[in-house]
Amino acid sequence: MRCPFCSSEDTQVKDSRQAEDNTAVRRRRQCGSCAGRFTTFERVQLRELMVIKKSGRRTPFDRDKLARSVLIALQKRPVDPERVEQMISGVVRQLEAGGTPEIESDRIGELVMEGLSSLDKIGYVRYASVYKDFRATEDFGTFIQDEKLSDEDE
């Protein structure tokens, strides 16, 4: 593994442990050249997935991009990071188990919305506002009414 600080290939694993609901291995590493410490994660990848965008363009699936979008929706929300990681891992497992290496971006959005709906209602609405391309404040009200989201559910 190349050191992210000095680009040396002389790095050693100092600690390994299970992470993310036993779906990944977290490795703590140290560079032999600059003594910099960094963490890597190792995950099983069942297949190379390609995302079919609305424009028809195909791009490689990027788990980190998916995680960033979820974390943005949940920004400043009281949600346990481990539950968020479990939800993201669940979405990725569903995509990999889908039987096809090509997934439409709409399918990914629907799976994320399913996961967020049970995780945090505010994050769910935030994500939906981008995913469903809300154009006006009325779109929020309509969506909340259609989804039957209210304070009584909490």
N, C-alpha and C. Protein backbone atom coordinates (compact mmCIF):
# COMPACT_ATOMS: atom_id res chain seq x y z
N MET A 1 0.85 -1.18 0.00
CA MET A 1 0.00 0.00 0.00
C MET A 1 0.89 1.24 0.00
N ARG A 2 0.60 2.14 -0.89
CA ARG A 2 1.39 3.37 -1.01
C ARG A 2 0.97 4.38 0.07
N CYS A 3 1.95 5.03 0.70
CA CYS A 3 1.71 6.03 1.73
C CYS A 3 1.07 7.27 1.08
N PRO A 4 -0.04 7.77 1.65
CA PRO A 4 -0.69 8.96 1.08
C PRO A 4 0.09 10.25 1.34
N PHE A 5 1.08 10.20 2.24
CA PHE A 5 1.84 11.40 2.59
C PHE A 5 3.10 11.56 1.76
N CYS A 6 3.87 10.46 1.63
CA CYS A 6 5.15 10.57 0.92
C CYS A 6 5.26 9.66 -0.29
N SER A 7 4.21 8.88 -0.57
CA SER A 7 4.13 7.96 -1.72
C SER A 7 5.07 6.76 -1.63
N SER A 8 5.67 6.54 -0.49
CA SER A 8 6.53 5.37 -0.31
C SER A 8 5.68 4.11 -0.31
N GLU A 9 6.23 3.02 -0.81
CA GLU A 9 5.52 1.74 -0.79
C GLU A 9 5.90 0.90 0.42
N ASP A 10 6.71 1.47 1.31
CA ASP A 10 7.18 0.78 2.51
C ASP A 10 6.23 1.08 3.67
N THR A 11 5.06 0.38 3.68
CA THR A 11 4.10 0.59 4.76
C THR A 11 3.83 -0.75 5.46
N GLN A 12 3.49 -0.67 6.73
CA GLN A 12 3.23 -1.87 7.51
C GLN A 12 1.86 -1.77 8.17
N VAL A 13 1.18 -2.92 8.26
CA VAL A 13 -0.09 -2.98 8.96
C VAL A 13 0.21 -3.09 10.45
N LYS A 14 -0.33 -2.16 11.24
CA LYS A 14 -0.12 -2.15 12.69
C LYS A 14 -1.29 -2.78 13.44
N ASP A 15 -2.49 -2.70 12.85
CA ASP A 15 -3.67 -3.22 13.52
C ASP A 15 -4.73 -3.53 12.47
N SER A 16 -5.43 -4.66 12.63
CA SER A 16 -6.55 -5.03 11.76
C SER A 16 -7.73 -5.42 12.62
N ARG A 17 -8.90 -4.99 12.22
CA ARG A 17 -10.11 -5.41 12.94
C ARG A 17 -11.31 -5.33 12.02
N GLN A 18 -12.36 -6.04 12.40
CA GLN A 18 -13.60 -6.02 11.63
C GLN A 18 -14.25 -4.65 11.78
N ALA A 19 -14.91 -4.22 10.73
CA ALA A 19 -15.59 -2.93 10.76
C ALA A 19 -16.90 -3.05 10.00
N GLU A 20 -17.76 -2.07 10.20
CA GLU A 20 -19.00 -1.94 9.43
C GLU A 20 -19.82 -3.23 9.42
N ASP A 21 -20.18 -3.69 10.61
CA ASP A 21 -21.05 -4.85 10.70
C ASP A 21 -20.42 -6.09 10.05
N ASN A 22 -19.12 -6.23 10.22
CA ASN A 22 -18.35 -7.36 9.69
C ASN A 22 -18.38 -7.46 8.17
N THR A 23 -18.59 -6.34 7.48
CA THR A 23 -18.58 -6.35 6.02
C THR A 23 -17.29 -5.74 5.47
N ALA A 24 -16.40 -5.32 6.37
CA ALA A 24 -15.13 -4.72 5.95
C ALA A 24 -14.06 -5.00 7.00
N VAL A 25 -12.82 -4.86 6.58
CA VAL A 25 -11.68 -4.97 7.49
C VAL A 25 -11.01 -3.61 7.53
N ARG A 26 -10.82 -3.10 8.74
CA ARG A 26 -10.16 -1.81 8.94
C ARG A 26 -8.70 -2.09 9.27
N ARG A 27 -7.81 -1.52 8.50
CA ARG A 27 -6.38 -1.72 8.74
C ARG A 27 -5.72 -0.39 9.06
N ARG A 28 -5.04 -0.35 10.20
CA ARG A 28 -4.26 0.83 10.60
C ARG A 28 -2.85 0.59 10.12
N ARG A 29 -2.31 1.51 9.33
CA ARG A 29 -0.99 1.34 8.71
C ARG A 29 -0.04 2.45 9.11
N GLN A 30 1.26 2.13 9.03
CA GLN A 30 2.29 3.13 9.30
C GLN A 30 3.35 3.05 8.21
N CYS A 31 3.77 4.23 7.75
CA CYS A 31 4.78 4.32 6.70
C CYS A 31 6.17 4.13 7.33
N GLY A 32 6.99 3.30 6.70
CA GLY A 32 8.35 3.07 7.19
C GLY A 32 9.27 4.23 6.86
N SER A 33 8.92 5.05 5.89
CA SER A 33 9.77 6.16 5.49
C SER A 33 9.50 7.44 6.28
N CYS A 34 8.24 7.86 6.34
CA CYS A 34 7.91 9.14 6.99
C CYS A 34 7.22 8.96 8.34
N ALA A 35 6.92 7.73 8.73
CA ALA A 35 6.24 7.40 9.98
C ALA A 35 4.79 7.89 10.02
N GLY A 36 4.25 8.30 8.89
CA GLY A 36 2.85 8.72 8.83
C GLY A 36 1.93 7.53 9.08
N ARG A 37 0.80 7.78 9.76
CA ARG A 37 -0.17 6.73 10.04
C ARG A 37 -1.45 7.02 9.26
N PHE A 38 -2.05 5.97 8.73
CA PHE A 38 -3.30 6.12 7.99
C PHE A 38 -4.11 4.83 8.07
N THR A 39 -5.37 4.93 7.73
CA THR A 39 -6.30 3.80 7.82
C THR A 39 -6.80 3.44 6.43
N THR A 40 -6.90 2.13 6.19
CA THR A 40 -7.50 1.65 4.94
C THR A 40 -8.65 0.71 5.30
N PHE A 41 -9.58 0.56 4.38
CA PHE A 41 -10.69 -0.36 4.56
C PHE A 41 -10.69 -1.34 3.40
N GLU A 42 -10.93 -2.59 3.71
CA GLU A 42 -10.97 -3.64 2.69
C GLU A 42 -12.37 -4.24 2.71
N ARG A 43 -13.04 -4.25 1.54
CA ARG A 43 -14.39 -4.79 1.42
C ARG A 43 -14.44 -5.83 0.32
N VAL A 44 -15.35 -6.76 0.45
CA VAL A 44 -15.59 -7.73 -0.61
C VAL A 44 -16.38 -7.04 -1.70
N GLN A 45 -15.95 -7.23 -2.92
CA GLN A 45 -16.67 -6.68 -4.06
C GLN A 45 -17.09 -7.87 -4.92
N LEU A 46 -18.39 -8.12 -4.98
CA LEU A 46 -18.89 -9.28 -5.70
C LEU A 46 -18.76 -9.13 -7.21
N ARG A 47 -18.95 -7.93 -7.70
CA ARG A 47 -18.86 -7.70 -9.14
C ARG A 47 -18.64 -6.22 -9.41
N GLU A 48 -18.11 -5.92 -10.58
CA GLU A 48 -17.96 -4.53 -11.01
C GLU A 48 -19.33 -4.03 -11.45
N LEU A 49 -19.80 -2.99 -10.81
CA LEU A 49 -21.10 -2.44 -11.15
C LEU A 49 -20.94 -1.18 -11.99
N MET A 50 -21.83 -1.02 -12.95
CA MET A 50 -21.88 0.18 -13.78
C MET A 50 -23.23 0.85 -13.55
N VAL A 51 -23.20 2.17 -13.43
CA VAL A 51 -24.41 2.95 -13.23
C VAL A 51 -24.83 3.54 -14.57
N ILE A 52 -26.09 3.35 -14.91
CA ILE A 52 -26.64 3.95 -16.12
C ILE A 52 -27.34 5.24 -15.70
N LYS A 53 -26.77 6.36 -16.09
CA LYS A 53 -27.31 7.67 -15.73
C LYS A 53 -28.57 7.96 -16.55
N LYS A 54 -29.33 8.96 -16.14
CA LYS A 54 -30.55 9.34 -16.86
C LYS A 54 -30.25 9.72 -18.31
N SER A 55 -29.05 10.25 -18.54
CA SER A 55 -28.65 10.65 -19.89
C SER A 55 -28.26 9.45 -20.76
N GLY A 56 -28.17 8.27 -20.14
CA GLY A 56 -27.75 7.07 -20.87
C GLY A 56 -26.27 6.77 -20.72
N ARG A 57 -25.54 7.73 -20.17
CA ARG A 57 -24.10 7.54 -19.96
C ARG A 57 -23.87 6.48 -18.89
N ARG A 58 -22.80 5.71 -19.03
CA ARG A 58 -22.45 4.67 -18.06
C ARG A 58 -21.18 5.08 -17.32
N THR A 59 -21.24 4.94 -15.98
CA THR A 59 -20.07 5.25 -15.16
C THR A 59 -19.90 4.13 -14.13
N PRO A 60 -18.68 3.88 -13.70
CA PRO A 60 -18.47 2.86 -12.66
C PRO A 60 -19.16 3.27 -11.36
N PHE A 61 -19.73 2.30 -10.66
CA PHE A 61 -20.36 2.57 -9.37
C PHE A 61 -19.30 2.99 -8.37
N ASP A 62 -19.59 4.02 -7.59
CA ASP A 62 -18.65 4.55 -6.61
C ASP A 62 -19.33 4.57 -5.24
N ARG A 63 -18.96 3.62 -4.39
CA ARG A 63 -19.55 3.52 -3.05
C ARG A 63 -19.32 4.80 -2.26
N ASP A 64 -18.16 5.40 -2.41
CA ASP A 64 -17.85 6.63 -1.67
C ASP A 64 -18.77 7.77 -2.08
N LYS A 65 -19.11 7.84 -3.35
CA LYS A 65 -20.03 8.89 -3.81
C LYS A 65 -21.41 8.67 -3.20
N LEU A 66 -21.85 7.43 -3.15
CA LEU A 66 -23.12 7.10 -2.51
C LEU A 66 -23.10 7.50 -1.03
N ALA A 67 -22.02 7.16 -0.34
CA ALA A 67 -21.89 7.49 1.08
C ALA A 67 -21.89 9.00 1.29
N ARG A 68 -21.20 9.74 0.44
CA ARG A 68 -21.18 11.21 0.56
C ARG A 68 -22.58 11.80 0.44
N SER A 69 -23.36 11.31 -0.52
CA SER A 69 -24.71 11.85 -0.71
C SER A 69 -25.59 11.56 0.50
N VAL A 70 -25.44 10.38 1.08
CA VAL A 70 -26.21 10.04 2.28
C VAL A 70 -25.77 10.91 3.45
N LEU A 71 -24.47 11.09 3.61
CA LEU A 71 -23.96 11.89 4.73
C LEU A 71 -24.37 13.36 4.60
N ILE A 72 -24.46 13.86 3.39
CA ILE A 72 -24.93 15.23 3.19
C ILE A 72 -26.39 15.34 3.63
N ALA A 73 -27.20 14.36 3.26
CA ALA A 73 -28.62 14.38 3.66
C ALA A 73 -28.78 14.29 5.17
N LEU A 74 -27.84 13.62 5.83
CA LEU A 74 -27.94 13.42 7.28
C LEU A 74 -27.08 14.40 8.08
N GLN A 75 -26.53 15.39 7.41
CA GLN A 75 -25.66 16.36 8.08
C GLN A 75 -26.38 17.00 9.27
N LYS A 76 -25.70 17.01 10.41
CA LYS A 76 -26.20 17.60 11.67
C LYS A 76 -27.45 16.91 12.20
N ARG A 77 -27.66 15.66 11.83
CA ARG A 77 -28.78 14.88 12.33
C ARG A 77 -28.26 13.89 13.37
N PRO A 78 -29.06 13.59 14.39
CA PRO A 78 -28.62 12.68 15.46
C PRO A 78 -28.76 11.21 15.06
N VAL A 79 -27.98 10.78 14.09
CA VAL A 79 -28.05 9.41 13.61
C VAL A 79 -26.71 8.75 13.87
N ASP A 80 -26.75 7.56 14.46
CA ASP A 80 -25.54 6.81 14.77
C ASP A 80 -24.79 6.48 13.47
N PRO A 81 -23.51 6.90 13.37
CA PRO A 81 -22.73 6.64 12.15
C PRO A 81 -22.66 5.16 11.77
N GLU A 82 -22.72 4.29 12.76
CA GLU A 82 -22.68 2.86 12.47
C GLU A 82 -23.95 2.41 11.76
N ARG A 83 -25.09 2.97 12.16
CA ARG A 83 -26.35 2.65 11.48
C ARG A 83 -26.34 3.16 10.04
N VAL A 84 -25.73 4.32 9.84
CA VAL A 84 -25.61 4.89 8.49
C VAL A 84 -24.76 3.95 7.63
N GLU A 85 -23.64 3.51 8.17
CA GLU A 85 -22.74 2.61 7.43
C GLU A 85 -23.43 1.29 7.12
N GLN A 86 -24.22 0.78 8.06
CA GLN A 86 -24.97 -0.46 7.82
C GLN A 86 -25.98 -0.27 6.69
N MET A 87 -26.64 0.88 6.67
CA MET A 87 -27.62 1.16 5.62
C MET A 87 -26.93 1.23 4.25
N ILE A 88 -25.80 1.92 4.20
CA ILE A 88 -25.06 2.04 2.93
C ILE A 88 -24.59 0.67 2.48
N SER A 89 -24.05 -0.13 3.40
CA SER A 89 -23.60 -1.49 3.05
C SER A 89 -24.77 -2.33 2.56
N GLY A 90 -25.94 -2.16 3.17
CA GLY A 90 -27.12 -2.89 2.73
C GLY A 90 -27.53 -2.53 1.31
N VAL A 91 -27.47 -1.26 0.99
CA VAL A 91 -27.79 -0.81 -0.37
C VAL A 91 -26.81 -1.42 -1.36
N VAL A 92 -25.52 -1.38 -1.04
CA VAL A 92 -24.50 -1.93 -1.94
C VAL A 92 -24.71 -3.43 -2.11
N ARG A 93 -25.00 -4.15 -1.03
CA ARG A 93 -25.25 -5.60 -1.13
C ARG A 93 -26.44 -5.88 -2.03
N GLN A 94 -27.51 -5.08 -1.91
CA GLN A 94 -28.69 -5.27 -2.76
C GLN A 94 -28.33 -5.04 -4.23
N LEU A 95 -27.52 -4.04 -4.49
CA LEU A 95 -27.11 -3.76 -5.87
C LEU A 95 -26.27 -4.90 -6.43
N GLU A 96 -25.33 -5.39 -5.64
CA GLU A 96 -24.45 -6.47 -6.09
C GLU A 96 -25.21 -7.78 -6.27
N ALA A 97 -26.22 -8.00 -5.45
CA ALA A 97 -27.00 -9.24 -5.53
C ALA A 97 -28.09 -9.17 -6.60
N GLY A 98 -28.22 -8.02 -7.23
CA GLY A 98 -29.29 -7.81 -8.21
C GLY A 98 -29.21 -8.67 -9.45
N GLY A 99 -28.09 -9.31 -9.70
CA GLY A 99 -27.98 -10.21 -10.83
C GLY A 99 -27.51 -9.56 -12.12
N THR A 100 -27.42 -8.26 -12.15
CA THR A 100 -26.96 -7.58 -13.35
C THR A 100 -25.86 -6.59 -12.99
N PRO A 101 -24.83 -6.50 -13.81
CA PRO A 101 -23.74 -5.58 -13.49
C PRO A 101 -24.07 -4.12 -13.81
N GLU A 102 -25.20 -3.87 -14.47
CA GLU A 102 -25.60 -2.50 -14.80
C GLU A 102 -26.86 -2.13 -14.05
N ILE A 103 -26.80 -1.00 -13.36
CA ILE A 103 -27.91 -0.54 -12.54
C ILE A 103 -28.28 0.87 -12.95
N GLU A 104 -29.57 1.12 -13.11
CA GLU A 104 -30.01 2.47 -13.42
C GLU A 104 -29.90 3.33 -12.17
N SER A 105 -29.53 4.58 -12.35
CA SER A 105 -29.35 5.49 -11.22
C SER A 105 -30.64 5.64 -10.41
N ASP A 106 -31.80 5.53 -11.08
CA ASP A 106 -33.08 5.61 -10.36
C ASP A 106 -33.21 4.49 -9.33
N ARG A 107 -32.73 3.31 -9.67
CA ARG A 107 -32.80 2.17 -8.74
C ARG A 107 -31.97 2.45 -7.49
N ILE A 108 -30.80 3.02 -7.68
CA ILE A 108 -29.94 3.36 -6.55
C ILE A 108 -30.66 4.39 -5.67
N GLY A 109 -31.23 5.40 -6.28
CA GLY A 109 -31.95 6.43 -5.54
C GLY A 109 -33.10 5.86 -4.73
N GLU A 110 -33.84 4.94 -5.32
CA GLU A 110 -34.97 4.32 -4.61
C GLU A 110 -34.49 3.51 -3.41
N LEU A 111 -33.41 2.76 -3.57
CA LEU A 111 -32.87 1.97 -2.46
C LEU A 111 -32.37 2.87 -1.33
N VAL A 112 -31.72 3.97 -1.69
CA VAL A 112 -31.24 4.90 -0.67
C VAL A 112 -32.42 5.53 0.06
N MET A 113 -33.46 5.90 -0.68
CA MET A 113 -34.63 6.50 -0.04
C MET A 113 -35.31 5.50 0.90
N GLU A 114 -35.37 4.23 0.51
CA GLU A 114 -35.93 3.20 1.39
C GLU A 114 -35.14 3.15 2.70
N GLY A 115 -33.82 3.12 2.57
CA GLY A 115 -32.97 3.05 3.76
C GLY A 115 -33.10 4.28 4.63
N LEU A 116 -33.12 5.46 4.02
CA LEU A 116 -33.22 6.70 4.79
C LEU A 116 -34.59 6.85 5.45
N SER A 117 -35.63 6.33 4.83
CA SER A 117 -36.96 6.49 5.41
C SER A 117 -37.05 5.82 6.78
N SER A 118 -36.33 4.75 6.97
CA SER A 118 -36.36 4.08 8.28
C SER A 118 -35.27 4.60 9.21
N LEU A 119 -34.33 5.36 8.68
CA LEU A 119 -33.21 5.85 9.48
C LEU A 119 -33.49 7.23 10.07
N ASP A 120 -33.95 8.17 9.22
CA ASP A 120 -34.17 9.54 9.68
C ASP A 120 -35.08 10.26 8.68
N LYS A 121 -36.21 10.74 9.16
CA LYS A 121 -37.20 11.37 8.27
C LYS A 121 -36.69 12.66 7.64
N ILE A 122 -35.96 13.45 8.40
CA ILE A 122 -35.42 14.70 7.86
C ILE A 122 -34.40 14.40 6.76
N GLY A 123 -33.51 13.46 7.01
CA GLY A 123 -32.54 13.05 6.00
C GLY A 123 -33.23 12.50 4.76
N TYR A 124 -34.32 11.77 4.99
CA TYR A 124 -35.11 11.20 3.90
C TYR A 124 -35.66 12.32 3.01
N VAL A 125 -36.24 13.34 3.62
CA VAL A 125 -36.82 14.46 2.86
C VAL A 125 -35.70 15.25 2.16
N ARG A 126 -34.58 15.46 2.86
CA ARG A 126 -33.46 16.18 2.23
C ARG A 126 -32.97 15.44 0.99
N TYR A 127 -32.78 14.13 1.12
CA TYR A 127 -32.31 13.34 -0.02
C TYR A 127 -33.34 13.39 -1.15
N ALA A 128 -34.61 13.24 -0.79
CA ALA A 128 -35.68 13.26 -1.80
C ALA A 128 -35.72 14.58 -2.54
N SER A 129 -35.42 15.68 -1.84
CA SER A 129 -35.48 16.99 -2.49
C SER A 129 -34.48 17.10 -3.64
N VAL A 130 -33.36 16.43 -3.51
CA VAL A 130 -32.36 16.44 -4.59
C VAL A 130 -32.70 15.36 -5.61
N TYR A 131 -32.99 14.15 -5.12
CA TYR A 131 -33.26 13.02 -5.99
C TYR A 131 -34.48 13.27 -6.88
N LYS A 132 -35.53 13.84 -6.29
CA LYS A 132 -36.76 14.10 -7.04
C LYS A 132 -36.80 15.51 -7.64
N ASP A 133 -35.70 16.24 -7.48
CA ASP A 133 -35.53 17.55 -8.11
C ASP A 133 -36.64 18.54 -7.76
N PHE A 134 -36.82 18.77 -6.44
CA PHE A 134 -37.81 19.75 -6.00
C PHE A 134 -37.44 21.11 -6.56
N ARG A 135 -38.44 21.84 -7.06
CA ARG A 135 -38.20 23.15 -7.68
C ARG A 135 -38.75 24.30 -6.84
N ALA A 136 -39.70 24.00 -5.95
CA ALA A 136 -40.32 25.06 -5.14
C ALA A 136 -40.61 24.52 -3.74
N THR A 137 -40.85 25.44 -2.83
CA THR A 137 -41.13 25.03 -1.45
C THR A 137 -42.39 24.16 -1.37
N GLU A 138 -43.32 24.38 -2.27
CA GLU A 138 -44.54 23.58 -2.27
C GLU A 138 -44.25 22.11 -2.53
N ASP A 139 -43.16 21.84 -3.27
CA ASP A 139 -42.77 20.45 -3.55
C ASP A 139 -42.49 19.68 -2.26
N PHE A 140 -41.91 20.37 -1.26
CA PHE A 140 -41.64 19.73 0.03
C PHE A 140 -42.95 19.32 0.70
N GLY A 141 -43.89 20.26 0.75
CA GLY A 141 -45.17 19.98 1.39
C GLY A 141 -45.92 18.85 0.71
N THR A 142 -45.94 18.88 -0.61
CA THR A 142 -46.61 17.83 -1.37
C THR A 142 -45.96 16.48 -1.10
N PHE A 143 -44.64 16.44 -1.12
CA PHE A 143 -43.93 15.18 -0.88
C PHE A 143 -44.23 14.65 0.52
N ILE A 144 -44.16 15.52 1.52
CA ILE A 144 -44.40 15.10 2.90
C ILE A 144 -45.82 14.58 3.07
N GLN A 145 -46.78 15.26 2.42
CA GLN A 145 -48.18 14.81 2.48
C GLN A 145 -48.34 13.47 1.78
N ASP A 146 -47.77 13.35 0.58
CA ASP A 146 -47.89 12.11 -0.19
C ASP A 146 -47.24 10.93 0.53
N GLU A 147 -46.14 11.18 1.22
CA GLU A 147 -45.43 10.11 1.92
C GLU A 147 -46.00 9.87 3.32
N LYS A 148 -46.97 10.69 3.70
CA LYS A 148 -47.60 10.60 5.01
C LYS A 148 -46.57 10.70 6.14
N LEU A 149 -45.66 11.66 5.99
CA LEU A 149 -44.66 11.92 7.02
C LEU A 149 -45.22 12.98 7.96
N SER A 150 -45.21 12.70 9.21
CA SER A 150 -45.69 13.70 10.18
C SER A 150 -44.98 13.49 11.49
N ASP A 151 -45.14 14.43 12.41
CA ASP A 151 -44.50 14.35 13.72
C ASP A 151 -45.06 13.20 14.55
N GLU A 152 -46.29 12.77 14.31
CA GLU A 152 -46.87 11.69 15.10
C GLU A 152 -46.14 10.37 14.88
N ASP A 153 -45.50 10.20 13.72
CA ASP A 153 -44.81 8.94 13.41
C ASP A 153 -43.55 8.74 14.23
N GLU A 154 -42.98 9.81 14.77
CA GLU A 154 -41.71 9.68 15.48
C GLU A 154 -41.84 9.15 16.86
